[in-house]
Amino acid sequence: MPQRHGRGARRGHRRGHRHEHAELVPSRGLNRARRGIIEPILLLGLRFGPAHGYSLLAKLENYELGPLDPSVVYRALREMESNHWVASSWDKHSTQGPPRRVYEITPAGREVLSAWALELERSQSRISKFLSEYEQGAS
């Protein structure tokens, strides 16, 4: 059989055949889903007032996302700042250690948070439908 080039070749796919490592696919999807929920959780945390990155990291722990590297949180905060969803300033009044960045949600960030909430409600409905059908098939 000729060697295939392109995306399928890297993954070991052959046209018309299932992936031999199908057990890996859900974990990739879960990682993507996990990354996708970080932004709305951070925006929600900032909705209640300005916060440092580490306090936001602690808030993420409440959502059982598993271990998160702090760089993931700071990268998300920088990206959200470049999108004008959050603004940051240096906390020069902190008595512990060097100055730290304090993040706060902007009006644009509040709009994005509302859009996220609506999309998560829709997703919750789709997930409920999926689980209901899944449970029916398991009986």
N, C-alpha and C. Protein backbone atom coordinates (compact mmCIF):
# COMPACT_ATOMS: atom_id res chain seq x y z
N MET A 1 0.85 -1.18 0.00
CA MET A 1 0.00 0.00 0.00
C MET A 1 0.89 1.23 0.00
N PRO A 2 0.61 2.24 -0.84
CA PRO A 2 1.44 3.43 -0.88
C PRO A 2 1.34 4.20 0.42
N GLN A 3 2.44 4.84 0.79
CA GLN A 3 2.45 5.62 2.04
C GLN A 3 1.66 6.89 1.82
N ARG A 4 0.83 7.19 2.78
CA ARG A 4 -0.03 8.36 2.70
C ARG A 4 0.68 9.58 3.24
N HIS A 5 0.45 10.71 2.66
CA HIS A 5 1.03 11.96 3.12
C HIS A 5 -0.08 12.84 3.67
N GLY A 6 0.28 13.80 4.49
CA GLY A 6 -0.71 14.72 5.03
C GLY A 6 -1.09 14.38 6.45
N ARG A 7 -2.18 14.93 6.91
CA ARG A 7 -2.60 14.80 8.31
C ARG A 7 -2.81 13.36 8.73
N GLY A 8 -3.47 12.58 7.90
CA GLY A 8 -3.75 11.20 8.26
C GLY A 8 -2.50 10.36 8.44
N ALA A 9 -1.46 10.67 7.67
CA ALA A 9 -0.23 9.89 7.75
C ALA A 9 0.43 10.07 9.12
N ARG A 10 0.38 11.26 9.66
CA ARG A 10 0.99 11.50 10.96
C ARG A 10 0.27 10.77 12.08
N ARG A 11 -0.99 10.57 11.94
CA ARG A 11 -1.78 9.93 12.99
C ARG A 11 -1.93 8.44 12.77
N GLY A 12 -1.44 7.92 11.67
CA GLY A 12 -1.58 6.50 11.41
C GLY A 12 -2.94 6.14 10.81
N HIS A 13 -3.63 7.11 10.25
CA HIS A 13 -4.94 6.85 9.65
C HIS A 13 -4.78 6.23 8.27
N ARG A 14 -5.72 5.41 7.93
CA ARG A 14 -5.87 4.96 6.56
C ARG A 14 -7.31 5.24 6.20
N ARG A 15 -7.50 5.67 5.00
CA ARG A 15 -8.84 6.03 4.56
C ARG A 15 -9.79 4.85 4.78
N GLY A 16 -10.91 5.15 5.44
CA GLY A 16 -11.92 4.12 5.67
C GLY A 16 -11.68 3.26 6.90
N HIS A 17 -10.61 3.48 7.63
CA HIS A 17 -10.31 2.69 8.82
C HIS A 17 -10.35 3.58 10.05
N ARG A 18 -10.80 3.00 11.14
CA ARG A 18 -10.82 3.72 12.40
C ARG A 18 -9.41 3.86 12.95
N HIS A 19 -9.22 4.86 13.74
CA HIS A 19 -7.93 5.10 14.38
C HIS A 19 -7.65 3.99 15.37
N GLU A 20 -6.44 3.41 15.32
CA GLU A 20 -6.10 2.31 16.21
C GLU A 20 -6.00 2.75 17.67
N HIS A 21 -5.79 4.02 17.89
CA HIS A 21 -5.63 4.54 19.25
C HIS A 21 -6.82 5.42 19.63
N ALA A 22 -8.01 4.95 19.42
CA ALA A 22 -9.21 5.74 19.66
C ALA A 22 -9.30 6.20 21.11
N GLU A 23 -8.68 5.46 22.04
CA GLU A 23 -8.76 5.85 23.44
C GLU A 23 -8.06 7.18 23.69
N LEU A 24 -7.19 7.63 22.80
CA LEU A 24 -6.49 8.91 22.97
C LEU A 24 -7.36 10.10 22.58
N VAL A 25 -8.30 9.90 21.70
CA VAL A 25 -9.09 11.01 21.19
C VAL A 25 -9.88 11.72 22.28
N PRO A 26 -10.61 11.01 23.18
CA PRO A 26 -11.34 11.74 24.20
C PRO A 26 -10.44 12.59 25.10
N SER A 27 -9.26 12.10 25.42
CA SER A 27 -8.40 12.90 26.29
C SER A 27 -7.99 14.19 25.60
N ARG A 28 -7.76 14.15 24.30
CA ARG A 28 -7.45 15.39 23.58
C ARG A 28 -8.63 16.34 23.65
N GLY A 29 -9.83 15.83 23.48
CA GLY A 29 -11.02 16.66 23.56
C GLY A 29 -11.21 17.24 24.94
N LEU A 30 -10.92 16.43 25.96
CA LEU A 30 -11.05 16.92 27.32
C LEU A 30 -10.05 18.03 27.60
N ASN A 31 -8.83 17.89 27.12
CA ASN A 31 -7.86 18.95 27.32
C ASN A 31 -8.30 20.24 26.65
N ARG A 32 -8.85 20.13 25.46
CA ARG A 32 -9.35 21.31 24.75
C ARG A 32 -10.51 21.92 25.52
N ALA A 33 -11.43 21.10 26.02
CA ALA A 33 -12.56 21.59 26.79
C ALA A 33 -12.09 22.26 28.08
N ARG A 34 -11.10 21.66 28.70
CA ARG A 34 -10.55 22.20 29.94
C ARG A 34 -9.95 23.58 29.69
N ARG A 35 -9.18 23.70 28.60
CA ARG A 35 -8.60 25.01 28.27
C ARG A 35 -9.70 26.02 27.96
N GLY A 36 -10.75 25.57 27.30
CA GLY A 36 -11.81 26.47 26.88
C GLY A 36 -12.62 27.04 28.02
N ILE A 37 -12.65 26.38 29.15
CA ILE A 37 -13.45 26.87 30.28
C ILE A 37 -12.66 27.82 31.18
N ILE A 38 -11.36 27.88 31.00
CA ILE A 38 -10.53 28.72 31.87
C ILE A 38 -10.89 30.19 31.74
N GLU A 39 -11.04 30.69 30.52
CA GLU A 39 -11.33 32.11 30.34
C GLU A 39 -12.61 32.55 31.04
N PRO A 40 -13.74 31.85 30.83
CA PRO A 40 -14.94 32.31 31.52
C PRO A 40 -14.82 32.23 33.05
N ILE A 41 -14.11 31.24 33.55
CA ILE A 41 -13.94 31.15 35.01
C ILE A 41 -13.11 32.32 35.52
N LEU A 42 -12.06 32.68 34.79
CA LEU A 42 -11.25 33.83 35.18
C LEU A 42 -12.07 35.12 35.14
N LEU A 43 -12.85 35.29 34.08
CA LEU A 43 -13.70 36.49 33.99
C LEU A 43 -14.72 36.52 35.13
N LEU A 44 -15.28 35.36 35.45
CA LEU A 44 -16.23 35.29 36.55
C LEU A 44 -15.56 35.68 37.87
N GLY A 45 -14.34 35.19 38.08
CA GLY A 45 -13.61 35.54 39.30
C GLY A 45 -13.35 37.04 39.40
N LEU A 46 -13.10 37.67 38.26
CA LEU A 46 -12.84 39.11 38.25
C LEU A 46 -14.12 39.94 38.33
N ARG A 47 -15.22 39.31 38.05
CA ARG A 47 -16.51 40.02 38.12
C ARG A 47 -16.78 40.52 39.54
N PHE A 48 -16.23 39.84 40.53
CA PHE A 48 -16.47 40.19 41.93
C PHE A 48 -15.43 41.16 42.47
N GLY A 49 -14.46 41.53 41.63
CA GLY A 49 -13.47 42.51 42.05
C GLY A 49 -12.09 42.16 41.54
N PRO A 50 -11.17 43.13 41.59
CA PRO A 50 -9.80 42.90 41.12
C PRO A 50 -9.14 41.77 41.89
N ALA A 51 -8.20 41.09 41.22
CA ALA A 51 -7.52 39.96 41.87
C ALA A 51 -6.15 39.76 41.26
N HIS A 52 -5.27 39.13 42.03
CA HIS A 52 -3.95 38.71 41.55
C HIS A 52 -4.09 37.38 40.83
N GLY A 53 -3.12 37.07 40.00
CA GLY A 53 -3.14 35.82 39.25
C GLY A 53 -3.23 34.59 40.12
N TYR A 54 -2.48 34.58 41.23
CA TYR A 54 -2.49 33.39 42.08
C TYR A 54 -3.83 33.17 42.76
N SER A 55 -4.53 34.25 43.10
CA SER A 55 -5.86 34.05 43.70
C SER A 55 -6.83 33.52 42.65
N LEU A 56 -6.64 33.92 41.40
CA LEU A 56 -7.48 33.38 40.33
C LEU A 56 -7.15 31.91 40.07
N LEU A 57 -5.89 31.57 40.19
CA LEU A 57 -5.49 30.16 40.05
C LEU A 57 -6.17 29.32 41.12
N ALA A 58 -6.24 29.84 42.34
CA ALA A 58 -6.92 29.13 43.43
C ALA A 58 -8.40 28.96 43.12
N LYS A 59 -9.02 29.96 42.50
CA LYS A 59 -10.43 29.86 42.13
C LYS A 59 -10.64 28.74 41.11
N LEU A 60 -9.71 28.61 40.19
CA LEU A 60 -9.81 27.54 39.19
C LEU A 60 -9.80 26.16 39.83
N GLU A 61 -9.11 26.01 40.95
CA GLU A 61 -9.06 24.72 41.63
C GLU A 61 -10.44 24.26 42.07
N ASN A 62 -11.35 25.20 42.33
CA ASN A 62 -12.72 24.85 42.73
C ASN A 62 -13.50 24.15 41.62
N TYR A 63 -13.00 24.24 40.40
CA TYR A 63 -13.71 23.67 39.25
C TYR A 63 -13.19 22.30 38.84
N GLU A 64 -12.31 21.72 39.64
CA GLU A 64 -11.82 20.36 39.43
C GLU A 64 -11.28 20.14 38.01
N LEU A 65 -10.43 21.06 37.56
CA LEU A 65 -9.84 20.95 36.23
C LEU A 65 -8.54 20.16 36.24
N GLY A 66 -8.15 19.69 37.41
CA GLY A 66 -6.88 18.99 37.52
C GLY A 66 -5.76 19.99 37.71
N PRO A 67 -4.54 19.49 37.76
CA PRO A 67 -3.41 20.39 37.99
C PRO A 67 -3.23 21.36 36.82
N LEU A 68 -3.08 22.62 37.15
CA LEU A 68 -2.86 23.65 36.14
C LEU A 68 -1.54 24.35 36.42
N ASP A 69 -0.75 24.49 35.40
CA ASP A 69 0.48 25.24 35.53
C ASP A 69 0.11 26.73 35.59
N PRO A 70 0.68 27.49 36.52
CA PRO A 70 0.36 28.93 36.60
C PRO A 70 0.57 29.65 35.27
N SER A 71 1.51 29.18 34.45
CA SER A 71 1.75 29.85 33.17
C SER A 71 0.51 29.83 32.28
N VAL A 72 -0.32 28.80 32.42
CA VAL A 72 -1.56 28.71 31.64
C VAL A 72 -2.48 29.86 32.02
N VAL A 73 -2.57 30.13 33.31
CA VAL A 73 -3.44 31.21 33.80
C VAL A 73 -2.91 32.56 33.34
N TYR A 74 -1.62 32.78 33.51
CA TYR A 74 -1.05 34.07 33.12
C TYR A 74 -1.10 34.28 31.61
N ARG A 75 -0.93 33.22 30.85
CA ARG A 75 -1.05 33.34 29.40
C ARG A 75 -2.48 33.73 29.02
N ALA A 76 -3.46 33.10 29.67
CA ALA A 76 -4.86 33.43 29.40
C ALA A 76 -5.15 34.88 29.79
N LEU A 77 -4.63 35.31 30.93
CA LEU A 77 -4.85 36.70 31.36
C LEU A 77 -4.22 37.69 30.38
N ARG A 78 -3.02 37.39 29.90
CA ARG A 78 -2.38 38.30 28.92
C ARG A 78 -3.19 38.36 27.63
N GLU A 79 -3.68 37.19 27.20
CA GLU A 79 -4.49 37.17 25.98
C GLU A 79 -5.79 37.95 26.18
N MET A 80 -6.41 37.77 27.33
CA MET A 80 -7.65 38.51 27.60
C MET A 80 -7.37 40.01 27.71
N GLU A 81 -6.20 40.37 28.21
CA GLU A 81 -5.84 41.78 28.28
C GLU A 81 -5.64 42.35 26.87
N SER A 82 -5.02 41.58 26.00
CA SER A 82 -4.83 42.05 24.62
C SER A 82 -6.17 42.16 23.90
N ASN A 83 -7.17 41.39 24.33
CA ASN A 83 -8.52 41.49 23.77
C ASN A 83 -9.36 42.56 24.45
N HIS A 84 -8.76 43.23 25.44
CA HIS A 84 -9.43 44.29 26.21
C HIS A 84 -10.57 43.78 27.08
N TRP A 85 -10.49 42.50 27.47
CA TRP A 85 -11.50 41.93 28.37
C TRP A 85 -11.12 42.16 29.81
N VAL A 86 -9.83 42.29 30.07
CA VAL A 86 -9.33 42.61 31.40
C VAL A 86 -8.28 43.70 31.28
N ALA A 87 -8.06 44.38 32.38
CA ALA A 87 -6.99 45.38 32.46
C ALA A 87 -6.16 45.03 33.68
N SER A 88 -4.88 45.38 33.63
CA SER A 88 -4.03 45.08 34.78
C SER A 88 -3.25 46.32 35.19
N SER A 89 -2.85 46.31 36.44
CA SER A 89 -2.01 47.37 36.98
C SER A 89 -1.11 46.74 38.04
N TRP A 90 -0.08 47.45 38.43
CA TRP A 90 0.83 46.94 39.45
C TRP A 90 0.33 47.32 40.82
N ASP A 91 0.29 46.33 41.72
CA ASP A 91 -0.10 46.56 43.11
C ASP A 91 1.16 46.97 43.86
N LYS A 92 1.36 48.26 43.99
CA LYS A 92 2.56 48.77 44.65
C LYS A 92 2.39 48.87 46.16
N HIS A 93 1.19 48.66 46.64
CA HIS A 93 0.90 48.78 48.07
C HIS A 93 0.97 47.45 48.80
N SER A 94 1.27 46.40 48.09
CA SER A 94 1.37 45.09 48.71
C SER A 94 2.56 45.07 49.67
N THR A 95 2.35 44.52 50.85
CA THR A 95 3.42 44.50 51.84
C THR A 95 4.25 43.24 51.74
N GLN A 96 3.82 42.28 50.96
CA GLN A 96 4.55 41.01 50.85
C GLN A 96 5.23 40.91 49.49
N GLY A 97 6.55 40.92 49.48
CA GLY A 97 7.31 40.69 48.26
C GLY A 97 7.24 41.83 47.27
N PRO A 98 7.67 41.54 46.05
CA PRO A 98 7.68 42.57 45.00
C PRO A 98 6.26 42.90 44.54
N PRO A 99 6.11 44.02 43.85
CA PRO A 99 4.77 44.37 43.33
C PRO A 99 4.23 43.26 42.44
N ARG A 100 2.93 43.04 42.51
CA ARG A 100 2.27 42.02 41.69
C ARG A 100 1.21 42.69 40.83
N ARG A 101 0.92 42.04 39.72
CA ARG A 101 -0.14 42.56 38.84
C ARG A 101 -1.50 42.26 39.46
N VAL A 102 -2.37 43.23 39.33
CA VAL A 102 -3.76 43.08 39.75
C VAL A 102 -4.60 43.19 38.47
N TYR A 103 -5.49 42.24 38.29
CA TYR A 103 -6.34 42.21 37.10
C TYR A 103 -7.76 42.59 37.48
N GLU A 104 -8.43 43.28 36.53
CA GLU A 104 -9.85 43.58 36.73
C GLU A 104 -10.57 43.46 35.39
N ILE A 105 -11.83 43.12 35.48
CA ILE A 105 -12.64 42.93 34.28
C ILE A 105 -13.02 44.30 33.72
N THR A 106 -13.09 44.39 32.40
CA THR A 106 -13.48 45.63 31.73
C THR A 106 -14.95 45.50 31.29
N PRO A 107 -15.56 46.59 30.84
CA PRO A 107 -16.93 46.46 30.30
C PRO A 107 -17.01 45.45 29.14
N ALA A 108 -16.00 45.44 28.28
CA ALA A 108 -15.99 44.45 27.19
C ALA A 108 -15.90 43.04 27.75
N GLY A 109 -15.13 42.86 28.82
CA GLY A 109 -15.02 41.56 29.47
C GLY A 109 -16.34 41.12 30.07
N ARG A 110 -17.11 42.05 30.60
CA ARG A 110 -18.44 41.72 31.14
C ARG A 110 -19.37 41.23 30.03
N GLU A 111 -19.27 41.87 28.86
CA GLU A 111 -20.08 41.43 27.72
C GLU A 111 -19.68 40.01 27.29
N VAL A 112 -18.38 39.76 27.25
CA VAL A 112 -17.88 38.44 26.87
C VAL A 112 -18.33 37.40 27.90
N LEU A 113 -18.27 37.76 29.17
CA LEU A 113 -18.72 36.84 30.23
C LEU A 113 -20.20 36.50 30.06
N SER A 114 -21.01 37.48 29.73
CA SER A 114 -22.44 37.21 29.49
C SER A 114 -22.63 36.27 28.30
N ALA A 115 -21.85 36.49 27.25
CA ALA A 115 -21.94 35.61 26.08
C ALA A 115 -21.49 34.19 26.45
N TRP A 116 -20.43 34.08 27.26
CA TRP A 116 -19.98 32.76 27.72
C TRP A 116 -21.07 32.07 28.52
N ALA A 117 -21.72 32.82 29.41
CA ALA A 117 -22.78 32.22 30.24
C ALA A 117 -23.89 31.67 29.36
N LEU A 118 -24.28 32.41 28.35
CA LEU A 118 -25.33 31.95 27.43
C LEU A 118 -24.88 30.70 26.69
N GLU A 119 -23.65 30.70 26.20
CA GLU A 119 -23.14 29.53 25.48
C GLU A 119 -23.02 28.32 26.39
N LEU A 120 -22.62 28.53 27.64
CA LEU A 120 -22.52 27.42 28.58
C LEU A 120 -23.90 26.85 28.92
N GLU A 121 -24.91 27.71 28.99
CA GLU A 121 -26.28 27.21 29.19
C GLU A 121 -26.69 26.32 28.03
N ARG A 122 -26.38 26.76 26.81
CA ARG A 122 -26.71 25.95 25.63
C ARG A 122 -25.95 24.63 25.66
N SER A 123 -24.67 24.71 26.03
CA SER A 123 -23.86 23.49 26.11
C SER A 123 -24.41 22.53 27.16
N GLN A 124 -24.84 23.09 28.27
CA GLN A 124 -25.41 22.26 29.33
C GLN A 124 -26.63 21.51 28.83
N SER A 125 -27.45 22.17 28.03
CA SER A 125 -28.63 21.52 27.45
C SER A 125 -28.21 20.40 26.51
N ARG A 126 -27.20 20.66 25.67
CA ARG A 126 -26.72 19.62 24.75
C ARG A 126 -26.13 18.44 25.51
N ILE A 127 -25.40 18.73 26.56
CA ILE A 127 -24.80 17.67 27.37
C ILE A 127 -25.87 16.84 28.05
N SER A 128 -26.91 17.50 28.56
CA SER A 128 -28.01 16.76 29.19
C SER A 128 -28.69 15.83 28.20
N LYS A 129 -28.91 16.31 26.99
CA LYS A 129 -29.51 15.46 25.94
C LYS A 129 -28.60 14.27 25.63
N PHE A 130 -27.30 14.54 25.49
CA PHE A 130 -26.34 13.47 25.20
C PHE A 130 -26.37 12.42 26.30
N LEU A 131 -26.30 12.84 27.56
CA LEU A 131 -26.26 11.89 28.67
C LEU A 131 -27.56 11.10 28.79
N SER A 132 -28.67 11.76 28.50
CA SER A 132 -29.95 11.06 28.53
C SER A 132 -29.99 9.95 27.47
N GLU A 133 -29.55 10.27 26.27
CA GLU A 133 -29.53 9.24 25.22
C GLU A 133 -28.50 8.15 25.56
N TYR A 134 -27.39 8.53 26.11
CA TYR A 134 -26.36 7.57 26.48
C TYR A 134 -26.90 6.59 27.53
N GLU A 135 -27.59 7.10 28.53
CA GLU A 135 -28.14 6.26 29.58
C GLU A 135 -29.24 5.35 29.06
N GLN A 136 -30.01 5.81 28.10
CA GLN A 136 -31.04 4.96 27.51
C GLN A 136 -30.42 3.78 26.78
N GLY A 137 -29.31 4.02 26.10
CA GLY A 137 -28.63 2.95 25.36
C GLY A 137 -27.90 1.98 26.27
N ALA A 138 -27.59 2.40 27.49
CA ALA A 138 -26.85 1.54 28.41
C ALA A 138 -27.76 0.52 29.09
N SER A 139 -29.04 0.76 29.04
CA SER A 139 -29.99 -0.14 29.73
C SER A 139 -30.18 -1.44 29.00
